[in-house]
């Protein structure tokens, strides 16, 4: 089988699916992306995303050189550390990122909206909007036919389910592998990073993500998004004259914890922003004045509430012409902020496997099976890391045990600063 003969269909035009499409196109493999959204701007795409060295490596491997340069030019100010503070803004621990001398494997930051525009570039003929998967069928001629809710269908040699947490492809391929509710939720919003906010918050919050750890079963995540000045020309090359309101400099502030701690019941998603802001106020009422002021600046209309779900490790399944990637198979909580990077890694690893098959270097099913074996190992390890971090930050934090945890963090922090020569 030559590269030109292999045809890959991707269900889902999120970051992982589009990264895979770019990589396959670069390898000369025919690819079709079927996205449920009616258009690229049909819905909001979330906030900033931290791209770690593995995510950077995946994007570099899949994007053509000119789009990689655009990606680098449109990013934001990259975080250099991750800090844990008390609810009174006393530093407990600051973990610095150590970038290697490798110019590719570095930590980066970018708006999800901009990254999606980068990944969509030059794929106009390959992306089909308004196509939500209904089901698929394996054909006798070793092809896969995907049926869509709009009544249409399409055939390909391989179907990749990159259709997110509620993946229709996964529901048919692995019906027992759906995500489960963690019993935790997130409530938050953004604060414009204007002159008033810059004067209000400590320097650490203007530079890097901060996790606030109060003596209560919850946490507060605060992270900045600041676009670098040189990005404007690169944005214009993507057809973006001015950043949207969602992409202007901001701080994201999000509480995490159990619904019952916040006094919420099962149908909390229907609550108005006024009620959610009242809950946030109540939680932080005894915290540092800066944190209380940040909550007050969040606009009620754009406060969100998300339920955190997580996948469960799955035993090996028989490789076929249908496979999965990203949240479709290993969705995870937002703690540790690694879900997007693992999806990008999926794209790189799967692209490499399918390229070997297209070149005749490996049978197709063997290549898919090799990808799935690797993905299960690193993907579900990341799921477990994320779950543990969530439980650590939102679990009970009282008495001598919590005091010992804080003392341990402070000790480690002091030792690390001495080693770095920081007073």
Protein backbone atom coordinates (compact mmCIF):
# COMPACT_ATOMS: atom_id res chain seq x y z
CA UNK A 1 0.00 0.00 0.00
CA UNK A 2 1.39 3.42 -0.94
CA UNK A 3 0.80 6.64 0.96
CA UNK A 4 -1.55 7.82 -1.76
CA UNK A 5 -3.68 4.67 -1.48
CA UNK A 6 -4.32 4.80 2.28
CA UNK A 7 -7.33 6.93 3.24
CA UNK A 8 -7.86 7.87 6.89
CA UNK A 9 -11.12 9.31 8.22
CA UNK A 10 -10.97 11.27 11.48
CA UNK A 11 -14.15 11.79 13.49
CA UNK A 12 -13.64 15.05 15.37
CA UNK A 13 -11.88 18.29 14.53
CA UNK A 14 -10.45 19.14 17.93
CA UNK A 15 -6.77 19.79 18.60
CA UNK A 16 -5.72 16.13 18.54
CA UNK A 17 -7.70 15.20 15.44
CA UNK A 18 -6.47 18.23 13.49
CA UNK A 19 -2.87 17.65 14.54
CA UNK A 20 -3.16 14.09 13.22
CA UNK A 21 -4.69 15.39 9.98
CA UNK A 22 -1.77 17.78 9.51
CA UNK A 23 0.74 14.99 10.12
CA UNK A 24 -0.97 12.60 7.69
CA UNK A 25 -1.21 15.29 5.01
CA UNK A 26 2.47 16.07 5.47
CA UNK A 27 3.22 12.34 4.98
CA UNK A 28 1.23 12.31 1.74
CA UNK A 29 -1.65 10.27 3.18
CA UNK A 30 -5.19 11.15 2.15
CA UNK A 31 -7.19 12.32 5.15
CA UNK A 32 -10.77 13.46 5.75
CA UNK A 33 -11.91 15.14 8.98
CA UNK A 34 -15.59 15.03 9.95
CA UNK A 35 -16.48 17.62 12.58
CA UNK A 36 -19.88 17.96 14.28
CA UNK A 37 -19.68 21.77 14.52
CA UNK A 38 -21.34 23.65 11.67
CA UNK A 39 -18.35 25.99 11.26
CA UNK A 40 -14.93 26.71 12.85
CA UNK A 41 -16.39 29.44 15.08
CA UNK A 42 -19.66 27.66 15.92
CA UNK A 43 -18.74 27.44 19.62
CA UNK A 44 -16.12 28.71 22.02
CA UNK A 45 -12.93 26.70 22.27
CA UNK A 46 -11.91 27.18 25.88
CA UNK A 47 -9.06 29.18 27.32
CA UNK A 48 -5.28 29.09 27.23
CA UNK A 49 -3.45 25.80 26.89
CA UNK A 50 -0.01 25.02 28.23
CA UNK A 51 1.98 23.05 25.66
CA UNK A 52 4.61 20.91 27.37
CA UNK A 53 7.74 19.48 25.68
CA UNK A 54 5.89 16.37 24.47
CA UNK A 55 3.09 18.49 23.03
CA UNK A 56 5.65 20.73 21.34
CA UNK A 57 7.42 17.69 19.90
CA UNK A 58 4.13 16.38 18.50
CA UNK A 59 3.22 19.68 16.86
CA UNK A 60 6.70 20.01 15.37
CA UNK A 61 6.49 16.49 13.94
CA UNK A 62 3.03 16.94 12.42
CA UNK A 63 2.98 20.56 11.22
CA UNK A 64 4.76 21.67 8.04
CA UNK A 65 7.65 24.07 8.81
CA UNK A 66 5.71 27.23 7.91
CA UNK A 67 2.83 26.35 10.25
CA UNK A 68 5.24 25.43 13.04
CA UNK A 69 6.74 28.92 12.71
CA UNK A 70 3.24 30.42 12.84
CA UNK A 71 2.46 28.39 15.96
CA UNK A 72 5.60 29.66 17.66
CA UNK A 73 4.86 33.25 16.67
CA UNK A 74 1.24 33.28 17.88
CA UNK A 75 1.85 31.97 21.37
CA UNK A 76 1.63 33.74 24.67
CA UNK A 77 4.12 34.35 27.45
CA UNK A 78 5.23 30.88 28.48
CA UNK A 79 4.99 29.78 32.10
CA UNK A 80 8.31 29.02 33.74
CA UNK A 81 7.05 27.53 36.99
CA UNK A 82 4.05 26.25 38.93
CA UNK A 83 3.43 27.65 42.40
CA UNK A 84 1.34 26.35 45.31
CA UNK A 85 0.13 28.97 47.81
CA UNK A 86 -2.07 29.07 50.89
CA UNK A 87 -5.38 30.91 50.82
CA UNK A 88 -3.50 33.84 52.42
CA UNK A 89 -1.08 33.88 49.45
CA UNK A 90 1.87 32.47 51.38
CA UNK A 91 4.12 30.48 49.07
CA UNK A 92 4.36 26.78 49.87
CA UNK A 93 6.13 25.41 46.81
CA UNK A 94 7.40 26.72 43.48
CA UNK A 95 8.37 24.18 40.85
CA UNK A 96 10.32 25.58 37.93
CA UNK A 97 10.19 24.20 34.40
CA UNK A 98 13.60 23.16 33.11
CA UNK A 99 13.64 23.60 29.34
CA UNK A 100 16.26 21.58 27.53
CA UNK A 101 18.59 23.14 24.99
CA UNK A 102 16.43 21.46 22.34
CA UNK A 103 14.62 24.31 20.56
CA UNK A 104 11.57 22.09 19.97
CA UNK A 105 10.99 20.35 23.31
CA UNK A 106 10.10 23.46 25.29
CA UNK A 107 7.19 24.71 27.38
CA UNK A 108 4.87 27.04 25.47
CA UNK A 109 1.52 28.76 25.93
CA UNK A 110 -1.15 29.52 23.34
CA UNK A 111 -4.83 30.35 23.10
CA UNK A 112 -6.94 27.30 22.19
CA UNK A 113 -8.77 29.43 19.61
CA UNK A 114 -5.52 30.42 17.91
CA UNK A 115 -4.07 26.91 18.05
CA UNK A 116 -7.17 25.53 16.36
CA UNK A 117 -6.84 28.15 13.60
CA UNK A 118 -3.21 27.13 13.10
CA UNK A 119 -4.19 23.45 12.89
CA UNK A 120 -7.00 24.19 10.43
CA UNK A 121 -4.70 26.07 8.06
CA UNK A 122 -4.46 24.50 4.58
CA UNK A 123 -7.00 21.78 5.48
CA UNK A 124 -9.96 23.51 3.84
CA UNK A 125 -10.53 20.66 1.39
CA UNK A 126 -10.16 17.97 4.06
CA UNK A 127 -12.49 19.18 6.83
CA UNK A 128 -16.22 18.53 6.52
CA UNK A 129 -18.35 20.59 8.90
CA UNK A 130 -21.73 19.60 10.30
CA UNK A 131 -20.97 15.87 10.38
CA UNK A 132 -21.78 14.26 13.73
CA UNK A 133 -21.07 10.53 13.82
CA UNK A 134 -24.07 8.24 14.26
CA UNK A 135 -22.34 4.88 13.81
CA UNK A 136 -19.84 3.00 11.67
CA UNK A 137 -19.76 -0.36 9.96
CA UNK A 138 -16.87 -2.61 8.92
CA UNK A 139 -17.23 -3.60 5.28
CA UNK A 140 -16.30 -6.87 3.61
CA UNK A 141 -13.73 -5.09 1.41
CA UNK A 142 -11.64 -4.09 4.45
CA UNK A 143 -13.03 -0.57 4.46
CA UNK A 144 -14.93 1.35 7.14
CA UNK A 145 -18.15 3.21 6.39
CA UNK A 146 -19.04 6.02 8.80
CA UNK A 147 -22.66 7.14 9.00
CA UNK A 148 -23.54 10.66 10.10
CA UNK A 149 -26.64 12.14 11.69
CA UNK A 150 -27.23 14.32 8.61
CA UNK A 151 -27.94 11.16 6.61
CA UNK A 152 -24.67 11.06 4.70
CA UNK A 153 -21.89 8.47 4.93
CA UNK A 154 -18.22 8.15 3.96
CA UNK A 155 -15.80 5.28 3.45
CA UNK A 156 -12.12 5.05 4.35
CA UNK A 157 -9.45 2.47 5.15
CA UNK A 158 -9.15 3.58 8.78
CA UNK A 159 -11.50 5.44 11.11
CA UNK A 160 -9.99 7.38 14.01
CA UNK A 161 -12.36 8.38 16.79
CA UNK A 162 -11.16 11.78 17.98
CA UNK A 163 -14.67 12.88 18.88
CA UNK A 164 -14.18 13.71 22.53
CA UNK A 165 -15.50 12.57 25.89
CA UNK A 166 -18.88 11.50 24.50
CA UNK A 167 -17.33 9.72 21.50
CA UNK A 168 -19.82 7.88 19.34
CA UNK A 169 -16.96 5.85 17.90
CA UNK A 170 -15.88 4.68 21.37
CA UNK A 171 -19.46 3.88 22.36
CA UNK A 172 -19.58 1.35 19.52
CA UNK A 173 -16.00 0.07 19.65
CA UNK A 174 -15.58 -0.11 23.46
CA UNK A 175 -19.01 0.42 25.05
CA UNK A 176 -17.69 -0.26 28.57
CA UNK A 177 -14.90 2.31 28.32
CA UNK A 178 -16.92 5.48 28.91
CA UNK A 179 -15.73 8.07 31.43
CA UNK A 180 -17.09 8.21 34.98
CA UNK A 181 -18.02 11.16 37.17
CA UNK A 182 -15.27 11.98 39.67
CA UNK A 183 -17.67 13.66 42.06
CA UNK A 184 -15.84 16.99 41.56
CA UNK A 185 -16.80 20.15 39.71
CA UNK A 186 -15.11 23.35 38.63
CA UNK A 187 -16.62 26.84 38.97
CA UNK A 188 -14.82 29.86 37.57
CA UNK A 189 -14.31 32.54 34.98
CA UNK A 190 -11.81 35.08 33.71
CA UNK A 191 -10.64 38.47 34.92
CA UNK A 192 -9.27 41.00 32.38
CA UNK A 193 -5.55 41.43 32.89
CA UNK A 194 -5.74 45.22 32.85
CA UNK A 195 -3.77 47.84 34.74
CA UNK A 196 -6.00 47.51 37.81
CA UNK A 197 -5.52 43.74 38.00
CA UNK A 198 -1.77 44.04 37.36
CA UNK A 199 -1.48 46.25 40.45
CA UNK A 200 -3.70 43.97 42.53
CA UNK A 201 -2.16 40.52 42.19
CA UNK A 202 1.28 39.29 43.25
CA UNK A 203 3.98 38.90 40.59
CA UNK A 204 3.79 35.10 40.68
CA UNK A 205 0.21 35.17 39.41
CA UNK A 206 1.12 37.45 36.51
CA UNK A 207 3.80 35.09 35.28
CA UNK A 208 2.86 31.50 36.05
CA UNK A 209 -0.03 29.24 37.12
CA UNK A 210 -0.79 29.20 40.85
CA UNK A 211 -2.75 26.59 42.82
CA UNK A 212 -4.26 27.93 46.04
CA UNK A 213 -4.48 25.29 48.75
CA UNK A 214 -6.85 26.27 51.60
CA UNK A 215 -7.61 24.21 54.74
CA UNK A 216 -10.82 23.02 53.06
CA UNK A 217 -11.79 20.31 50.52
CA UNK A 218 -11.34 22.58 47.51
CA UNK A 219 -8.69 24.39 45.49
CA UNK A 220 -8.40 27.58 43.44
CA UNK A 221 -6.47 27.59 40.17
CA UNK A 222 -5.25 30.95 38.86
CA UNK A 223 -3.34 31.27 35.60
CA UNK A 224 -2.48 34.17 33.27
CA UNK A 225 -2.84 34.43 29.52
CA UNK A 226 -0.76 37.17 27.92
CA UNK A 227 -0.17 37.32 24.19
CA UNK A 228 3.32 38.30 23.06
CA UNK A 229 3.45 41.53 21.05
CA UNK A 230 5.08 39.98 17.99
CA UNK A 231 2.09 37.70 17.38
CA UNK A 232 -0.07 40.24 15.50
CA UNK A 233 1.53 39.70 12.08
CA UNK A 234 1.29 35.93 12.43
CA UNK A 235 -2.37 36.23 13.43
CA UNK A 236 -3.09 38.23 10.27
CA UNK A 237 -1.62 35.39 8.20
CA UNK A 238 -4.34 33.21 9.76
CA UNK A 239 -7.00 35.75 8.84
CA UNK A 240 -7.30 37.17 12.36
CA UNK A 241 -7.12 40.96 12.30
CA UNK A 242 -7.82 41.44 15.99
CA UNK A 243 -7.82 38.91 18.85
CA UNK A 244 -11.33 38.08 20.05
CA UNK A 245 -12.52 39.11 23.49
CA UNK A 246 -11.80 35.57 24.67
CA UNK A 247 -8.16 35.94 23.64
CA UNK A 248 -7.33 39.26 25.27
CA UNK A 249 -4.99 39.13 28.24
CA UNK A 250 -6.71 37.64 31.28
CA UNK A 251 -6.42 35.62 34.48
CA UNK A 252 -8.50 32.47 34.71
CA UNK A 253 -9.75 31.75 38.23
CA UNK A 254 -11.42 28.40 38.90
CA UNK A 255 -12.50 26.68 42.09
CA UNK A 256 -12.51 22.89 42.21
CA UNK A 257 -14.19 20.61 44.74
CA UNK A 258 -17.18 18.43 45.53
CA UNK A 259 -20.63 19.86 44.69
CA UNK A 260 -21.83 19.28 48.24
CA UNK A 261 -18.99 21.44 49.61
CA UNK A 262 -20.30 24.28 47.44
CA UNK A 263 -23.87 23.55 48.55
CA UNK A 264 -24.89 22.33 45.10
CA UNK A 265 -27.17 19.52 44.01
CA UNK A 266 -27.16 17.31 40.93
CA UNK A 267 -28.59 19.82 38.43
CA UNK A 268 -26.09 22.55 39.21
CA UNK A 269 -25.33 23.20 35.52
CA UNK A 270 -28.61 25.11 35.19
CA UNK A 271 -27.74 27.65 37.89
CA UNK A 272 -27.37 31.28 36.75
CA UNK A 273 -24.06 33.11 37.03
CA UNK A 274 -25.40 35.24 39.89
CA UNK A 275 -25.85 32.13 42.04
CA UNK A 276 -22.46 30.69 41.06
CA UNK A 277 -20.73 33.96 41.92
CA UNK A 278 -22.45 34.00 45.30
CA UNK A 279 -21.05 30.51 45.92
CA UNK A 280 -17.55 31.64 44.94
CA UNK A 281 -17.81 34.63 47.27
CA UNK A 282 -18.87 32.38 50.11
CA UNK A 283 -15.94 30.01 49.61
CA UNK A 284 -13.26 32.75 49.58
CA UNK A 285 -14.80 35.06 52.20
CA UNK A 286 -11.99 34.46 54.71
CA UNK A 287 -9.19 34.28 52.13
CA UNK A 288 -6.65 36.95 51.21
CA UNK A 289 -8.25 40.24 50.05
CA UNK A 290 -6.58 39.89 46.63
CA UNK A 291 -8.33 36.58 45.98
CA UNK A 292 -11.66 38.00 47.14
CA UNK A 293 -11.16 40.97 44.81
CA UNK A 294 -10.43 38.67 41.85
CA UNK A 295 -13.67 36.79 42.41
CA UNK A 296 -15.57 40.10 42.49
CA UNK A 297 -14.13 41.04 39.09
CA UNK A 298 -15.40 37.90 37.34
CA UNK A 299 -18.40 38.79 35.18
CA UNK A 300 -21.46 36.79 36.21
CA UNK A 301 -22.50 36.20 32.59
CA UNK A 302 -19.37 34.21 31.77
CA UNK A 303 -18.97 32.10 34.92
CA UNK A 304 -18.81 28.42 34.00
CA UNK A 305 -19.52 25.18 35.86
CA UNK A 306 -17.96 21.93 34.63
CA UNK A 307 -18.25 18.40 35.97
CA UNK A 308 -14.93 16.57 36.04
CA UNK A 309 -15.00 13.13 34.45
CA UNK A 310 -12.23 10.62 34.01
CA UNK A 311 -11.63 7.49 31.99
CA UNK A 312 -10.68 4.16 33.54
CA UNK A 313 -7.74 2.00 32.42
CA UNK A 314 -8.85 -0.48 29.78
CA UNK A 315 -7.46 -3.94 29.02
CA UNK A 316 -6.02 -4.52 25.56
CA UNK A 317 -8.56 -4.94 22.76
CA UNK A 318 -8.18 -6.52 19.34
CA UNK A 319 -6.73 -4.01 16.85
CA UNK A 320 -8.97 -3.20 13.91
CA UNK A 321 -9.43 -0.52 11.28
CA UNK A 322 -11.15 1.61 13.92
CA UNK A 323 -9.09 3.23 16.66
CA UNK A 324 -9.35 6.03 19.22
CA UNK A 325 -7.34 8.99 20.46
CA UNK A 326 -7.51 11.86 22.94
CA UNK A 327 -10.53 12.31 25.20
CA UNK A 328 -12.38 9.64 23.24
CA UNK A 329 -10.32 6.98 25.07
CA UNK A 330 -8.37 8.60 27.92
CA UNK A 331 -10.25 11.68 29.13
CA UNK A 332 -8.92 13.09 32.38
CA UNK A 333 -9.53 15.81 34.93
CA UNK A 334 -8.05 19.29 34.33
CA UNK A 335 -5.62 18.81 37.22
CA UNK A 336 -2.00 18.76 36.00
CA UNK A 337 -3.18 20.27 32.70
CA UNK A 338 -1.91 17.41 30.54
CA UNK A 339 -4.99 16.19 28.63
CA UNK A 340 -4.37 18.30 25.54
CA UNK A 341 -0.70 17.37 25.40
CA UNK A 342 -1.48 13.66 25.59
CA UNK A 343 -3.93 14.07 22.69
CA UNK A 344 -1.18 15.75 20.66
CA UNK A 345 1.18 12.90 21.53
CA UNK A 346 -1.49 10.46 20.31
CA UNK A 347 -1.51 12.34 17.01
CA UNK A 348 2.25 12.01 16.59
CA UNK A 349 2.44 8.33 17.57
CA UNK A 350 -0.57 7.33 15.45
CA UNK A 351 0.67 9.35 12.49
CA UNK A 352 4.03 7.55 12.66
CA UNK A 353 2.29 4.15 12.83
CA UNK A 354 -0.04 4.84 9.91
CA UNK A 355 2.84 6.24 7.85
CA UNK A 356 4.78 3.00 8.33
CA UNK A 357 1.74 1.04 7.17
CA UNK A 358 1.21 3.31 4.16
CA UNK A 359 4.83 2.80 3.11
CA UNK A 360 4.50 -0.97 3.37
CA UNK A 361 6.92 -1.17 6.28
CA UNK A 362 4.33 -2.78 8.58
CA UNK A 363 0.89 -4.41 8.15
CA UNK A 364 -1.89 -1.93 8.85
CA UNK A 365 -3.46 -3.77 11.80
CA UNK A 366 -0.03 -4.37 13.34
CA UNK A 367 0.69 -0.64 13.08
CA UNK A 368 -2.64 0.26 14.69
CA UNK A 369 -2.05 -2.31 17.44
CA UNK A 370 1.42 -0.90 18.13
CA UNK A 371 -0.02 2.59 18.49
CA UNK A 372 -2.80 1.38 20.80
CA UNK A 373 -0.38 -0.52 23.04
CA UNK A 374 1.82 2.55 23.46
CA UNK A 375 -1.18 4.88 23.89
CA UNK A 376 -2.74 2.72 26.61
CA UNK A 377 0.51 2.81 28.59
CA UNK A 378 1.23 6.54 28.56
CA UNK A 379 -2.40 7.65 28.22
CA UNK A 380 -3.81 5.83 31.23
CA UNK A 381 -0.72 6.71 33.29
CA UNK A 382 -1.57 10.36 32.62
CA UNK A 383 -5.20 9.72 33.58
CA UNK A 384 -4.07 8.31 36.93
CA UNK A 385 -1.64 11.20 37.55
CA UNK A 386 -4.42 13.69 36.90
CA UNK A 387 -6.87 11.86 39.17
CA UNK A 388 -4.35 11.71 42.03
CA UNK A 389 -3.62 15.44 41.71
CA UNK A 390 -7.35 16.21 41.79
CA UNK A 391 -7.84 14.15 44.95
CA UNK A 392 -4.79 15.72 46.58
CA UNK A 393 -5.97 19.29 45.93
CA UNK A 394 -9.69 18.79 46.60
CA UNK A 395 -9.61 16.17 49.35
CA UNK A 396 -9.93 16.79 53.11
CA UNK A 397 -7.20 19.13 54.39
CA UNK A 398 -7.39 19.44 58.15
CA UNK A 399 -5.45 18.97 61.35
CA UNK A 400 -1.92 17.68 61.80
CA UNK A 401 -1.90 15.84 58.49
CA UNK A 402 -2.45 18.98 56.44
CA UNK A 403 -0.01 20.94 58.59
CA UNK A 404 2.61 18.29 57.89
CA UNK A 405 1.94 18.49 54.15
CA UNK A 406 2.43 22.26 54.18
CA UNK A 407 5.57 21.98 56.28
CA UNK A 408 6.95 19.41 53.85
CA UNK A 409 6.24 21.69 50.88
CA UNK A 410 7.94 24.61 52.58
CA UNK A 411 11.00 22.50 53.37
CA UNK A 412 11.31 21.28 49.79
CA UNK A 413 10.79 24.83 48.53
CA UNK A 414 13.55 26.18 50.76
CA UNK A 415 16.00 23.49 49.67
CA UNK A 416 15.23 24.08 45.99
CA UNK A 417 15.74 27.83 46.35
CA UNK A 418 19.07 27.30 48.07
CA UNK A 419 20.18 25.10 45.21
CA UNK A 420 19.12 27.72 42.69
CA UNK A 421 20.79 30.45 44.71
CA UNK A 422 17.48 32.23 45.35
CA UNK A 423 17.15 34.08 48.61
